Amino acid sequence: MKLIRDLVVLGSGIVSALYLLNMGFGIVEIIPDNTPIFGNLDEAAATALLINCLAYFGVDLGHLFKRKDASTKPAPKTHDIDVEKM
Protein backbone atom coordinates (compact mmCIF):
# COMPACT_ATOMS: atom_id res chain seq x y z
CA MET A 1 0.00 0.00 0.00
CA LYS A 2 2.86 2.39 0.83
CA LEU A 3 4.49 1.63 -2.53
CA ILE A 4 1.30 2.60 -4.37
CA ARG A 5 1.04 5.83 -2.34
CA ASP A 6 4.70 6.62 -3.03
CA LEU A 7 4.20 6.08 -6.76
CA VAL A 8 1.08 8.27 -6.83
CA VAL A 9 2.88 11.07 -4.98
CA LEU A 10 5.93 10.73 -7.23
CA GLY A 11 3.76 10.81 -10.35
CA SER A 12 1.89 13.86 -9.07
CA GLY A 13 5.17 15.62 -8.40
CA ILE A 14 6.50 14.83 -11.86
CA VAL A 15 3.30 16.00 -13.56
CA SER A 16 3.25 19.24 -11.56
CA ALA A 17 6.94 19.89 -12.29
CA LEU A 18 6.40 19.31 -16.01
CA TYR A 19 3.37 21.61 -15.95
CA LEU A 20 5.43 24.34 -14.29
CA LEU A 21 8.21 23.90 -16.85
CA ASN A 22 5.57 24.78 -19.48
CA MET A 23 6.21 21.77 -21.69
CA GLY A 24 3.06 22.61 -23.68
CA PHE A 25 4.49 25.99 -24.71
CA GLY A 26 1.38 27.79 -23.49
CA ILE A 27 -0.95 25.74 -25.68
CA VAL A 28 -1.90 23.25 -22.96
CA GLU A 29 -3.28 25.29 -20.07
CA ILE A 30 -5.90 24.38 -17.51
CA ILE A 31 -6.79 28.05 -17.03
CA PRO A 32 -5.47 30.50 -19.65
CA ASP A 33 -3.04 33.01 -18.13
CA ASN A 34 -4.81 35.98 -19.69
CA THR A 35 -8.01 35.26 -17.73
CA PRO A 36 -8.37 38.13 -15.24
CA ILE A 37 -7.84 37.27 -11.56
CA PHE A 38 -7.91 33.49 -12.08
CA GLY A 39 -5.18 33.25 -14.72
CA ASN A 40 -2.37 32.04 -12.48
CA LEU A 41 -4.35 29.80 -10.13
CA ASP A 42 -3.35 26.66 -12.03
CA GLU A 43 0.34 27.48 -11.62
CA ALA A 44 -0.22 28.22 -7.93
CA ALA A 45 -1.96 24.86 -7.49
CA ALA A 46 0.83 23.04 -9.36
CA THR A 47 3.43 24.77 -7.17
CA ALA A 48 1.57 23.83 -3.99
CA LEU A 49 1.28 20.23 -5.20
CA LEU A 50 5.00 20.09 -6.01
CA ILE A 51 5.98 21.52 -2.61
CA ASN A 52 3.75 18.98 -0.85
CA CYS A 53 5.16 16.11 -2.91
CA LEU A 54 8.69 17.18 -2.01
CA ALA A 55 7.70 17.44 1.66
CA TYR A 56 6.26 13.91 1.50
CA PHE A 57 9.67 12.59 0.49
CA GLY A 58 11.48 14.62 3.17
CA VAL A 59 12.65 17.65 1.18
CA ASP A 60 11.74 20.57 3.44
CA LEU A 61 11.65 23.88 1.60
CA GLY A 62 10.11 25.69 4.58
CA HIS A 63 13.46 26.23 6.28
CA LEU A 64 14.49 28.52 3.42
CA PHE A 65 11.97 31.11 4.58
CA LYS A 66 12.67 30.99 8.33
CA ARG A 67 14.87 33.34 10.29
CA LYS A 68 18.39 32.25 11.13
CA ASP A 69 17.95 32.41 14.88
CA ALA A 70 14.74 33.40 16.62
CA SER A 71 16.57 34.16 19.90
CA THR A 72 18.41 37.13 18.35
CA LYS A 73 15.14 38.82 17.53
CA PRO A 74 14.58 41.72 19.94
CA ALA A 75 11.59 41.59 22.22
CA PRO A 76 8.70 43.76 21.10
CA LYS A 77 8.40 47.06 22.92
CA THR A 78 5.20 47.12 24.92
CA HIS A 79 3.86 49.46 27.55
CA ASP A 80 1.37 48.68 30.26
CA ILE A 81 -1.10 51.50 30.67
CA ASP A 82 -3.77 51.57 33.34
CA VAL A 83 -6.88 53.48 32.40
CA GLU A 84 -9.26 54.58 35.11
CA LYS A 85 -12.87 55.42 34.45
CA MET A 86 -14.11 58.77 35.73
PDB file of N, CA and C in Angstrom:
ATOM      1  N   MET A   1       0.823  -1.186   0.000  1.00  0.00           N
ATOM      2  CA  MET A   1       0.000   0.000   0.000  1.00  0.00           C
ATOM      3  C   MET A   1       0.873   1.258   0.000  1.00  0.00           C
ATOM      4  N   LYS A   2       1.971   1.227   0.779  1.00  0.00           N
ATOM      5  CA  LYS A   2       2.860   2.387   0.827  1.00  0.00           C
ATOM      6  C   LYS A   2       3.541   2.594  -0.516  1.00  0.00           C
ATOM      7  N   LEU A   3       3.853   1.516  -1.211  1.00  0.00           N
ATOM      8  CA  LEU A   3       4.487   1.630  -2.526  1.00  0.00           C
ATOM      9  C   LEU A   3       3.551   2.321  -3.517  1.00  0.00           C
ATOM     10  N   ILE A   4       2.274   1.975  -3.470  1.00  0.00           N
ATOM     11  CA  ILE A   4       1.302   2.604  -4.366  1.00  0.00           C
ATOM     12  C   ILE A   4       1.185   4.090  -4.050  1.00  0.00           C
ATOM     13  N   ARG A   5       1.129   4.424  -2.755  1.00  0.00           N
ATOM     14  CA  ARG A   5       1.044   5.829  -2.344  1.00  0.00           C
ATOM     15  C   ARG A   5       2.292   6.587  -2.782  1.00  0.00           C
ATOM     16  N   ASP A   6       3.461   5.969  -2.605  1.00  0.00           N
ATOM     17  CA  ASP A   6       4.702   6.616  -3.029  1.00  0.00           C
ATOM     18  C   ASP A   6       4.713   6.879  -4.537  1.00  0.00           C
ATOM     19  N   LEU A   7       4.233   5.912  -5.312  1.00  0.00           N
ATOM     20  CA  LEU A   7       4.205   6.083  -6.762  1.00  0.00           C
ATOM     21  C   LEU A   7       3.212   7.163  -7.193  1.00  0.00           C
ATOM     22  N   VAL A   8       2.066   7.235  -6.504  1.00  0.00           N
ATOM     23  CA  VAL A   8       1.079   8.273  -6.827  1.00  0.00           C
ATOM     24  C   VAL A   8       1.639   9.652  -6.505  1.00  0.00           C
ATOM     25  N   VAL A   9       2.293   9.784  -5.355  1.00  0.00           N
ATOM     26  CA  VAL A   9       2.878  11.075  -4.976  1.00  0.00           C
ATOM     27  C   VAL A   9       4.011  11.438  -5.931  1.00  0.00           C
ATOM     28  N   LEU A  10       4.838  10.478  -6.285  1.00  0.00           N
ATOM     29  CA  LEU A  10       5.926  10.727  -7.229  1.00  0.00           C
ATOM     30  C   LEU A  10       5.386  11.149  -8.595  1.00  0.00           C
ATOM     31  N   GLY A  11       4.369  10.449  -9.065  1.00  0.00           N
ATOM     32  CA  GLY A  11       3.756  10.806 -10.345  1.00  0.00           C
ATOM     33  C   GLY A  11       3.137  12.192 -10.317  1.00  0.00           C
ATOM     34  N   SER A  12       2.481  12.520  -9.214  1.00  0.00           N
ATOM     35  CA  SER A  12       1.887  13.855  -9.074  1.00  0.00           C
ATOM     36  C   SER A  12       2.963  14.931  -9.083  1.00  0.00           C
ATOM     37  N   GLY A  13       4.068  14.663  -8.416  1.00  0.00           N
ATOM     38  CA  GLY A  13       5.169  15.621  -8.398  1.00  0.00           C
ATOM     39  C   GLY A  13       5.782  15.814  -9.773  1.00  0.00           C
ATOM     40  N   ILE A  14       5.930  14.732 -10.515  1.00  0.00           N
ATOM     41  CA  ILE A  14       6.502  14.831 -11.861  1.00  0.00           C
ATOM     42  C   ILE A  14       5.564  15.599 -12.793  1.00  0.00           C
ATOM     43  N   VAL A  15       4.269  15.298 -12.708  1.00  0.00           N
ATOM     44  CA  VAL A  15       3.301  16.002 -13.555  1.00  0.00           C
ATOM     45  C   VAL A  15       3.267  17.490 -13.223  1.00  0.00           C
ATOM     46  N   SER A  16       3.289  17.825 -11.935  1.00  0.00           N
ATOM     47  CA  SER A  16       3.253  19.245 -11.564  1.00  0.00           C
ATOM     48  C   SER A  16       4.542  19.957 -11.976  1.00  0.00           C
ATOM     49  N   ALA A  17       5.681  19.283 -11.863  1.00  0.00           N
ATOM     50  CA  ALA A  17       6.942  19.895 -12.292  1.00  0.00           C
ATOM     51  C   ALA A  17       6.956  20.118 -13.804  1.00  0.00           C
ATOM     52  N   LEU A  18       6.458  19.145 -14.562  1.00  0.00           N
ATOM     53  CA  LEU A  18       6.398  19.313 -16.014  1.00  0.00           C
ATOM     54  C   LEU A  18       5.425  20.421 -16.401  1.00  0.00           C
ATOM     55  N   TYR A  19       4.330  20.538 -15.669  1.00  0.00           N
ATOM     56  CA  TYR A  19       3.371  21.609 -15.950  1.00  0.00           C
ATOM     57  C   TYR A  19       3.995  22.974 -15.685  1.00  0.00           C
ATOM     58  N   LEU A  20       4.785  23.066 -14.604  1.00  0.00           N
ATOM     59  CA  LEU A  20       5.435  24.336 -14.289  1.00  0.00           C
ATOM     60  C   LEU A  20       6.562  24.666 -15.264  1.00  0.00           C
ATOM     61  N   LEU A  21       7.170  23.659 -15.852  1.00  0.00           N
ATOM     62  CA  LEU A  21       8.207  23.903 -16.855  1.00  0.00           C
ATOM     63  C   LEU A  21       7.622  24.324 -18.199  1.00  0.00           C
ATOM     64  N   ASN A  22       6.296  24.318 -18.295  1.00  0.00           N
ATOM     65  CA  ASN A  22       5.569  24.778 -19.484  1.00  0.00           C
ATOM     66  C   ASN A  22       5.957  23.961 -20.711  1.00  0.00           C
ATOM     67  N   MET A  23       5.859  22.654 -20.581  1.00  0.00           N
ATOM     68  CA  MET A  23       6.212  21.773 -21.685  1.00  0.00           C
ATOM     69  C   MET A  23       5.227  21.885 -22.852  1.00  0.00           C
ATOM     70  N   GLY A  24       4.038  22.443 -22.604  1.00  0.00           N
ATOM     71  CA  GLY A  24       3.062  22.611 -23.677  1.00  0.00           C
ATOM     72  C   GLY A  24       3.204  23.919 -24.410  1.00  0.00           C
ATOM     73  N   PHE A  25       4.204  24.709 -24.058  1.00  0.00           N
ATOM     74  CA  PHE A  25       4.492  25.993 -24.711  1.00  0.00           C
ATOM     75  C   PHE A  25       3.295  26.939 -24.695  1.00  0.00           C
ATOM     76  N   GLY A  26       2.517  26.886 -23.623  1.00  0.00           N
ATOM     77  CA  GLY A  26       1.383  27.789 -23.490  1.00  0.00           C
ATOM     78  C   GLY A  26       0.139  27.338 -24.220  1.00  0.00           C
ATOM     79  N   ILE A  27       0.222  26.249 -24.964  1.00  0.00           N
ATOM     80  CA  ILE A  27      -0.950  25.738 -25.678  1.00  0.00           C
ATOM     81  C   ILE A  27      -1.817  24.918 -24.738  1.00  0.00           C
ATOM     82  N   VAL A  28      -1.174  24.078 -23.918  1.00  0.00           N
ATOM     83  CA  VAL A  28      -1.902  23.248 -22.964  1.00  0.00           C
ATOM     84  C   VAL A  28      -1.943  23.992 -21.641  1.00  0.00           C
ATOM     85  N   GLU A  29      -3.090  24.550 -21.320  1.00  0.00           N
ATOM     86  CA  GLU A  29      -3.283  25.294 -20.074  1.00  0.00           C
ATOM     87  C   GLU A  29      -4.604  24.857 -19.467  1.00  0.00           C
ATOM     88  N   ILE A  30      -4.634  24.681 -18.174  1.00  0.00           N
ATOM     89  CA  ILE A  30      -5.900  24.380 -17.509  1.00  0.00           C
ATOM     90  C   ILE A  30      -6.749  25.644 -17.466  1.00  0.00           C
ATOM     91  N   ILE A  31      -6.150  26.735 -17.027  1.00  0.00           N
ATOM     92  CA  ILE A  31      -6.793  28.047 -17.030  1.00  0.00           C
ATOM     93  C   ILE A  31      -5.868  28.971 -17.821  1.00  0.00           C
ATOM     94  N   PRO A  32      -6.349  29.598 -18.889  1.00  0.00           N
ATOM     95  CA  PRO A  32      -5.471  30.499 -19.652  1.00  0.00           C
ATOM     96  C   PRO A  32      -4.941  31.636 -18.777  1.00  0.00           C
ATOM     97  N   ASP A  33      -3.673  31.988 -18.965  1.00  0.00           N
ATOM     98  CA  ASP A  33      -3.042  33.009 -18.128  1.00  0.00           C
ATOM     99  C   ASP A  33      -3.620  34.402 -18.340  1.00  0.00           C
ATOM    100  N   ASN A  34      -4.256  34.652 -19.463  1.00  0.00           N
ATOM    101  CA  ASN A  34      -4.811  35.982 -19.690  1.00  0.00           C
ATOM    102  C   ASN A  34      -6.217  36.144 -19.119  1.00  0.00           C
ATOM    103  N   THR A  35      -6.722  35.141 -18.419  1.00  0.00           N
ATOM    104  CA  THR A  35      -8.005  35.260 -17.733  1.00  0.00           C
ATOM    105  C   THR A  35      -7.804  36.134 -16.500  1.00  0.00           C
ATOM    106  N   PRO A  36      -8.562  37.226 -16.387  1.00  0.00           N
ATOM    107  CA  PRO A  36      -8.366  38.127 -15.244  1.00  0.00           C
ATOM    108  C   PRO A  36      -8.596  37.425 -13.910  1.00  0.00           C
ATOM    109  N   ILE A  37      -7.794  37.730 -12.947  1.00  0.00           N
ATOM    110  CA  ILE A  37      -7.838  37.272 -11.556  1.00  0.00           C
ATOM    111  C   ILE A  37      -7.511  35.790 -11.421  1.00  0.00           C
ATOM    112  N   PHE A  38      -8.080  34.930 -12.237  1.00  0.00           N
ATOM    113  CA  PHE A  38      -7.911  33.489 -12.078  1.00  0.00           C
ATOM    114  C   PHE A  38      -6.807  32.904 -12.953  1.00  0.00           C
ATOM    115  N   GLY A  39      -6.126  33.730 -13.719  1.00  0.00           N
ATOM    116  CA  GLY A  39      -5.181  33.249 -14.716  1.00  0.00           C
ATOM    117  C   GLY A  39      -4.021  32.439 -14.184  1.00  0.00           C
ATOM    118  N   ASN A  40      -3.545  32.737 -13.006  1.00  0.00           N
ATOM    119  CA  ASN A  40      -2.370  32.038 -12.481  1.00  0.00           C
ATOM    120  C   ASN A  40      -2.709  31.043 -11.380  1.00  0.00           C
ATOM    121  N   LEU A  41      -3.978  30.750 -11.184  1.00  0.00           N
ATOM    122  CA  LEU A  41      -4.351  29.802 -10.133  1.00  0.00           C
ATOM    123  C   LEU A  41      -3.870  28.387 -10.436  1.00  0.00           C
ATOM    124  N   ASP A  42      -3.822  27.999 -11.704  1.00  0.00           N
ATOM    125  CA  ASP A  42      -3.354  26.657 -12.025  1.00  0.00           C
ATOM    126  C   ASP A  42      -1.867  26.504 -11.723  1.00  0.00           C
ATOM    127  N   GLU A  43      -1.081  27.539 -11.980  1.00  0.00           N
ATOM    128  CA  GLU A  43       0.339  27.480 -11.620  1.00  0.00           C
ATOM    129  C   GLU A  43       0.529  27.472 -10.105  1.00  0.00           C
ATOM    130  N   ALA A  44      -0.304  28.217  -9.393  1.00  0.00           N
ATOM    131  CA  ALA A  44      -0.219  28.217  -7.928  1.00  0.00           C
ATOM    132  C   ALA A  44      -0.566  26.840  -7.374  1.00  0.00           C
ATOM    133  N   ALA A  45      -1.576  26.204  -7.938  1.00  0.00           N
ATOM    134  CA  ALA A  45      -1.955  24.861  -7.488  1.00  0.00           C
ATOM    135  C   ALA A  45      -0.860  23.848  -7.811  1.00  0.00           C
ATOM    136  N   ALA A  46      -0.255  23.959  -8.989  1.00  0.00           N
ATOM    137  CA  ALA A  46       0.829  23.044  -9.355  1.00  0.00           C
ATOM    138  C   ALA A  46       2.041  23.247  -8.451  1.00  0.00           C
ATOM    139  N   THR A  47       2.322  24.493  -8.082  1.00  0.00           N
ATOM    140  CA  THR A  47       3.429  24.773  -7.165  1.00  0.00           C
ATOM    141  C   THR A  47       3.153  24.197  -5.787  1.00  0.00           C
ATOM    142  N   ALA A  48       1.930  24.380  -5.295  1.00  0.00           N
ATOM    143  CA  ALA A  48       1.568  23.826  -3.985  1.00  0.00           C
ATOM    144  C   ALA A  48       1.654  22.305  -4.001  1.00  0.00           C
ATOM    145  N   LEU A  49       1.208  21.688  -5.081  1.00  0.00           N
ATOM    146  CA  LEU A  49       1.284  20.234  -5.200  1.00  0.00           C
ATOM    147  C   LEU A  49       2.733  19.768  -5.215  1.00  0.00           C
ATOM    148  N   LEU A  50       3.590  20.466  -5.945  1.00  0.00           N
ATOM    149  CA  LEU A  50       5.004  20.087  -6.010  1.00  0.00           C
ATOM    150  C   LEU A  50       5.681  20.240  -4.653  1.00  0.00           C
ATOM    151  N   ILE A  51       5.392  21.315  -3.940  1.00  0.00           N
ATOM    152  CA  ILE A  51       5.982  21.518  -2.611  1.00  0.00           C
ATOM    153  C   ILE A  51       5.525  20.427  -1.654  1.00  0.00           C
ATOM    154  N   ASN A  52       4.244  20.046  -1.719  1.00  0.00           N
ATOM    155  CA  ASN A  52       3.747  18.980  -0.849  1.00  0.00           C
ATOM    156  C   ASN A  52       4.325  17.623  -1.222  1.00  0.00           C
ATOM    157  N   CYS A  53       4.534  17.370  -2.501  1.00  0.00           N
ATOM    158  CA  CYS A  53       5.163  16.114  -2.915  1.00  0.00           C
ATOM    159  C   CYS A  53       6.605  16.042  -2.422  1.00  0.00           C
ATOM    160  N   LEU A  54       7.318  17.153  -2.521  1.00  0.00           N
ATOM    161  CA  LEU A  54       8.691  17.175  -2.009  1.00  0.00           C
ATOM    162  C   LEU A  54       8.718  16.989  -0.497  1.00  0.00           C
ATOM    163  N   ALA A  55       7.767  17.595   0.209  1.00  0.00           N
ATOM    164  CA  ALA A  55       7.701  17.439   1.664  1.00  0.00           C
ATOM    165  C   ALA A  55       7.381  15.997   2.039  1.00  0.00           C
ATOM    166  N   TYR A  56       6.583  15.315   1.237  1.00  0.00           N
ATOM    167  CA  TYR A  56       6.257  13.908   1.497  1.00  0.00           C
ATOM    168  C   TYR A  56       7.515  13.049   1.482  1.00  0.00           C
ATOM    169  N   PHE A  57       8.434  13.369   0.589  1.00  0.00           N
ATOM    170  CA  PHE A  57       9.672  12.594   0.495  1.00  0.00           C
ATOM    171  C   PHE A  57      10.802  13.160   1.352  1.00  0.00           C
ATOM    172  N   GLY A  58      10.506  14.144   2.202  1.00  0.00           N
ATOM    173  CA  GLY A  58      11.480  14.623   3.167  1.00  0.00           C
ATOM    174  C   GLY A  58      12.275  15.844   2.750  1.00  0.00           C
ATOM    175  N   VAL A  59      11.967  16.435   1.615  1.00  0.00           N
ATOM    176  CA  VAL A  59      12.655  17.653   1.185  1.00  0.00           C
ATOM    177  C   VAL A  59      11.871  18.830   1.739  1.00  0.00           C
ATOM    178  N   ASP A  60      12.434  19.481   2.765  1.00  0.00           N
ATOM    179  CA  ASP A  60      11.738  20.571   3.440  1.00  0.00           C
ATOM    180  C   ASP A  60      12.204  21.899   2.869  1.00  0.00           C
ATOM    181  N   LEU A  61      11.323  22.568   2.149  1.00  0.00           N
ATOM    182  CA  LEU A  61      11.650  23.883   1.604  1.00  0.00           C
ATOM    183  C   LEU A  61      11.260  25.001   2.556  1.00  0.00           C
ATOM    184  N   GLY A  62      10.557  24.678   3.625  1.00  0.00           N
ATOM    185  CA  GLY A  62      10.108  25.685   4.575  1.00  0.00           C
ATOM    186  C   GLY A  62      11.237  26.351   5.329  1.00  0.00           C
ATOM    187  N   HIS A  63      12.344  25.638   5.533  1.00  0.00           N
ATOM    188  CA  HIS A  63      13.457  26.232   6.282  1.00  0.00           C
ATOM    189  C   HIS A  63      14.137  27.355   5.499  1.00  0.00           C
ATOM    190  N   LEU A  64      13.899  27.436   4.205  1.00  0.00           N
ATOM    191  CA  LEU A  64      14.489  28.516   3.417  1.00  0.00           C
ATOM    192  C   LEU A  64      13.877  29.872   3.755  1.00  0.00           C
ATOM    193  N   PHE A  65      12.674  29.866   4.309  1.00  0.00           N
ATOM    194  CA  PHE A  65      11.966  31.109   4.584  1.00  0.00           C
ATOM    195  C   PHE A  65      11.944  31.467   6.059  1.00  0.00           C
ATOM    196  N   LYS A  66      12.639  30.708   6.892  1.00  0.00           N
ATOM    197  CA  LYS A  66      12.672  30.987   8.326  1.00  0.00           C
ATOM    198  C   LYS A  66      13.852  31.883   8.655  1.00  0.00           C
ATOM    199  N   ARG A  67      13.763  32.502   9.818  1.00  0.00           N
ATOM    200  CA  ARG A  67      14.869  33.338  10.290  1.00  0.00           C
ATOM    201  C   ARG A  67      16.021  32.446  10.728  1.00  0.00           C
ATOM    202  N   LYS A  68      17.209  33.009  10.727  1.00  0.00           N
ATOM    203  CA  LYS A  68      18.392  32.249  11.126  1.00  0.00           C
ATOM    204  C   LYS A  68      18.296  31.796  12.572  1.00  0.00           C
ATOM    205  N   ASP A  69      18.024  32.747  13.469  1.00  0.00           N
ATOM    206  CA  ASP A  69      17.948  32.415  14.882  1.00  0.00           C
ATOM    207  C   ASP A  69      16.869  33.283  15.514  1.00  0.00           C
ATOM    208  N   ALA A  70      15.859  32.645  16.042  1.00  0.00           N
ATOM    209  CA  ALA A  70      14.743  33.398  16.620  1.00  0.00           C
ATOM    210  C   ALA A  70      15.135  34.071  17.929  1.00  0.00           C
ATOM    211  N   SER A  71      16.189  33.578  18.611  1.00  0.00           N
ATOM    212  CA  SER A  71      16.570  34.162  19.899  1.00  0.00           C
ATOM    213  C   SER A  71      17.245  35.529  19.731  1.00  0.00           C
ATOM    214  N   THR A  72      17.775  35.830  18.562  1.00  0.00           N
ATOM    215  CA  THR A  72      18.410  37.130  18.349  1.00  0.00           C
ATOM    216  C   THR A  72      17.399  38.221  18.024  1.00  0.00           C
ATOM    217  N   LYS A  73      16.178  37.835  17.822  1.00  0.00           N
ATOM    218  CA  LYS A  73      15.135  38.817  17.529  1.00  0.00           C
ATOM    219  C   LYS A  73      14.828  39.608  18.794  1.00  0.00           C
ATOM    220  N   PRO A  74      14.856  40.931  18.725  1.00  0.00           N
ATOM    221  CA  PRO A  74      14.584  41.719  19.935  1.00  0.00           C
ATOM    222  C   PRO A  74      13.130  41.581  20.370  1.00  0.00           C
ATOM    223  N   ALA A  75      12.942  41.692  21.668  1.00  0.00           N
ATOM    224  CA  ALA A  75      11.593  41.592  22.217  1.00  0.00           C
ATOM    225  C   ALA A  75      10.783  42.806  21.780  1.00  0.00           C
ATOM    226  N   PRO A  76       9.508  42.612  21.511  1.00  0.00           N
ATOM    227  CA  PRO A  76       8.699  43.763  21.103  1.00  0.00           C
ATOM    228  C   PRO A  76       8.550  44.753  22.249  1.00  0.00           C
ATOM    229  N   LYS A  77       8.535  46.021  21.902  1.00  0.00           N
ATOM    230  CA  LYS A  77       8.396  47.064  22.916  1.00  0.00           C
ATOM    231  C   LYS A  77       6.918  47.229  23.241  1.00  0.00           C
ATOM    232  N   THR A  78       6.587  46.971  24.481  1.00  0.00           N
ATOM    233  CA  THR A  78       5.201  47.119  24.920  1.00  0.00           C
ATOM    234  C   THR A  78       5.170  47.989  26.160  1.00  0.00           C
ATOM    235  N   HIS A  79       4.054  48.622  26.378  1.00  0.00           N
ATOM    236  CA  HIS A  79       3.860  49.463  27.548  1.00  0.00           C
ATOM    237  C   HIS A  79       2.547  49.065  28.207  1.00  0.00           C
ATOM    238  N   ASP A  80       2.586  48.944  29.514  1.00  0.00           N
ATOM    239  CA  ASP A  80       1.365  48.683  30.261  1.00  0.00           C
ATOM    240  C   ASP A  80       0.780  50.015  30.698  1.00  0.00           C
ATOM    241  N   ILE A  81      -0.436  50.253  30.317  1.00  0.00           N
ATOM    242  CA  ILE A  81      -1.102  51.503  30.666  1.00  0.00           C
ATOM    243  C   ILE A  81      -2.383  51.161  31.405  1.00  0.00           C
ATOM    244  N   ASP A  82      -2.537  51.744  32.577  1.00  0.00           N
ATOM    245  CA  ASP A  82      -3.767  51.567  33.341  1.00  0.00           C
ATOM    246  C   ASP A  82      -4.684  52.748  33.055  1.00  0.00           C
ATOM    247  N   VAL A  83      -5.899  52.439  32.699  1.00  0.00           N
ATOM    248  CA  VAL A  83      -6.876  53.483  32.404  1.00  0.00           C
ATOM    249  C   VAL A  83      -7.966  53.404  33.455  1.00  0.00           C
ATOM    250  N   GLU A  84      -8.211  54.538  34.090  1.00  0.00           N
ATOM    251  CA  GLU A  84      -9.262  54.585  35.105  1.00  0.00           C
ATOM    252  C   GLU A  84     -10.473  55.295  34.540  1.00  0.00           C
ATOM    253  N   LYS A  85     -11.631  54.766  34.873  1.00  0.00           N
ATOM    254  CA  LYS A  85     -12.871  55.420  34.453  1.00  0.00           C
ATOM    255  C   LYS A  85     -13.175  56.558  35.398  1.00  0.00           C
ATOM    256  N   MET A  86     -13.756  57.613  34.888  1.00  0.00           N
ATOM    257  CA  MET A  86     -14.107  58.768  35.726  1.00  0.00           C
ATOM    258  C   MET A  86     -15.499  58.653  36.244  1.00  0.00           C
TER     259      MET A  86
END
